Amino acid sequence: MDITSLIFEIAAKDEFENGLIHLFVKGSTAGLTIIENDPNLFEDFRQMFETIAPYKRSYRHHETWGDDNGASHLRAALLGPDLMIPIWNGRLHLGVYQRIVLVDFDTRERKREVVITYVKSR
């Protein structure tokens, strides 16, 4: 899910001039990344994770809770739960094609929450 516009809106609304914005997704089966908004690249991204941690494999984690999301946990751990982005003159300092993307790897629907923290420059 591309959340770039939402984060831009929040940063602009808060009138934060210079510093860093830290984004953290709560939950152990989701992650955040910055990637170009290209459907072909998104498919490459999906294929990369399917190669590294395929869903249709048996994971020991499945024995713990009797569920099927072992691959989801591994994928989220590889991607990571947070991002740090500079803010300059009240705007996120991203490249032209960079998009902030929330990736939910879980095998069932989840409600996701992204915690936003600012670090102000002097």
Protein backbone atom coordinates (compact mmCIF):
# COMPACT_ATOMS: atom_id res chain seq x y z
CA MET A 1 0.00 0.00 0.00
CA ASP A 2 1.50 3.32 -1.09
CA ILE A 3 1.18 5.66 1.91
CA THR A 4 3.38 8.47 0.56
CA SER A 5 0.56 11.00 0.04
CA LEU A 6 -0.81 10.35 3.51
CA ILE A 7 2.60 10.88 5.13
CA PHE A 8 3.14 14.06 3.05
CA GLU A 9 -0.24 15.38 4.25
CA ILE A 10 0.53 14.62 7.90
CA ALA A 11 3.97 16.24 7.70
CA ALA A 12 2.56 19.37 6.00
CA LYS A 13 -0.35 19.63 8.44
CA ASP A 14 1.98 19.48 11.43
CA GLU A 15 4.05 22.37 10.02
CA PHE A 16 7.29 20.64 10.86
CA GLU A 17 10.17 22.55 9.23
CA ASN A 18 13.41 20.55 9.39
CA GLY A 19 14.46 17.25 10.90
CA LEU A 20 13.47 13.63 10.53
CA ILE A 21 10.23 11.73 10.45
CA HIS A 22 10.32 8.20 11.80
CA LEU A 23 7.66 5.70 10.69
CA PHE A 24 7.11 2.43 12.56
CA VAL A 25 4.49 -0.20 11.70
CA LYS A 26 3.13 -2.13 14.66
CA GLY A 27 2.91 -5.89 14.13
CA SER A 28 5.39 -8.62 13.30
CA THR A 29 4.04 -9.53 9.85
CA ALA A 30 4.26 -6.12 8.13
CA GLY A 31 7.08 -3.85 7.07
CA LEU A 32 7.89 -0.50 5.52
CA THR A 33 10.09 0.31 2.57
CA ILE A 34 10.82 2.95 -0.04
CA ILE A 35 10.53 1.78 -3.62
CA GLU A 36 9.62 3.14 -7.05
CA ASN A 37 5.91 3.03 -7.88
CA ASP A 38 6.08 0.60 -10.80
CA PRO A 39 3.71 -2.39 -11.10
CA ASN A 40 6.47 -4.48 -12.71
CA LEU A 41 8.84 -3.65 -9.88
CA PHE A 42 6.13 -4.57 -7.35
CA GLU A 43 5.82 -7.95 -9.06
CA ASP A 44 9.62 -8.39 -8.94
CA PHE A 45 9.45 -7.48 -5.24
CA ARG A 46 6.76 -10.15 -4.63
CA GLN A 47 8.77 -12.74 -6.55
CA MET A 48 11.91 -11.93 -4.58
CA PHE A 49 10.14 -12.65 -1.29
CA GLU A 50 8.48 -15.77 -2.71
CA THR A 51 11.96 -17.06 -3.59
CA ILE A 52 13.43 -16.22 -0.19
CA ALA A 53 10.48 -17.26 2.01
CA PRO A 54 7.76 -19.06 0.04
CA TYR A 55 4.28 -19.17 1.57
CA LYS A 56 3.68 -22.80 0.53
CA ARG A 57 6.41 -24.18 2.74
CA SER A 58 6.08 -25.65 6.19
CA TYR A 59 7.63 -23.47 8.89
CA ARG A 60 8.28 -24.47 12.49
CA HIS A 61 6.41 -21.34 13.55
CA HIS A 62 3.21 -23.00 12.33
CA GLU A 63 3.58 -25.53 15.15
CA THR A 64 3.65 -22.76 17.76
CA TRP A 65 0.23 -21.24 17.06
CA GLY A 66 -1.30 -23.67 14.57
CA ASP A 67 -1.37 -20.96 11.91
CA ASP A 68 0.14 -20.56 8.44
CA ASN A 69 2.04 -17.28 8.54
CA GLY A 70 5.63 -18.33 9.18
CA ALA A 71 6.69 -16.86 5.83
CA SER A 72 4.93 -13.61 6.77
CA HIS A 73 7.06 -13.21 9.89
CA LEU A 74 10.29 -13.95 8.04
CA ARG A 75 9.47 -11.54 5.21
CA ALA A 76 8.59 -8.76 7.65
CA ALA A 77 11.83 -9.35 9.57
CA LEU A 78 13.82 -9.03 6.34
CA LEU A 79 12.07 -5.83 5.28
CA GLY A 80 12.02 -4.20 8.71
CA PRO A 81 9.32 -2.29 10.59
CA ASP A 82 10.58 1.26 10.24
CA LEU A 83 11.86 4.09 8.06
CA MET A 84 13.58 7.40 8.77
CA ILE A 85 13.05 10.19 6.22
CA PRO A 86 14.52 13.71 6.26
CA ILE A 87 12.21 16.73 6.28
CA TRP A 88 13.55 19.91 4.74
CA ASN A 89 11.61 23.18 4.60
CA GLY A 90 8.45 21.39 5.69
CA ARG A 91 8.57 18.69 2.98
CA LEU A 92 9.63 15.08 2.97
CA HIS A 93 12.99 14.90 1.23
CA LEU A 94 12.33 11.99 -1.16
CA GLY A 95 13.59 11.40 -4.68
CA VAL A 96 11.24 11.88 -7.63
CA TYR A 97 10.31 8.21 -7.90
CA GLN A 98 10.60 7.18 -4.26
CA ARG A 99 7.36 6.04 -2.65
CA ILE A 100 6.73 5.02 0.97
CA VAL A 101 5.12 1.60 0.95
CA LEU A 102 3.51 -0.39 3.75
CA VAL A 103 3.75 -4.11 3.00
CA ASP A 104 1.42 -6.49 4.81
CA PHE A 105 2.73 -10.02 4.42
CA ASP A 106 0.17 -11.77 6.62
CA THR A 107 -2.06 -14.56 5.33
CA ARG A 108 -5.20 -13.00 6.80
CA GLU A 109 -6.55 -9.47 6.99
CA ARG A 110 -5.08 -7.30 9.73
CA LYS A 111 -5.61 -3.75 10.90
CA ARG A 112 -2.28 -1.92 10.64
CA GLU A 113 -1.11 1.11 12.59
CA VAL A 114 1.86 3.26 11.63
CA VAL A 115 3.37 5.29 14.48
CA ILE A 116 4.87 8.62 13.39
CA THR A 117 7.58 10.39 15.40
CA TYR A 118 9.40 13.62 14.56
CA VAL A 119 12.97 14.51 15.43
CA LYS A 120 13.43 18.25 15.08
CA SER A 121 16.68 19.87 13.87
CA ARG A 122 17.99 22.95 15.62
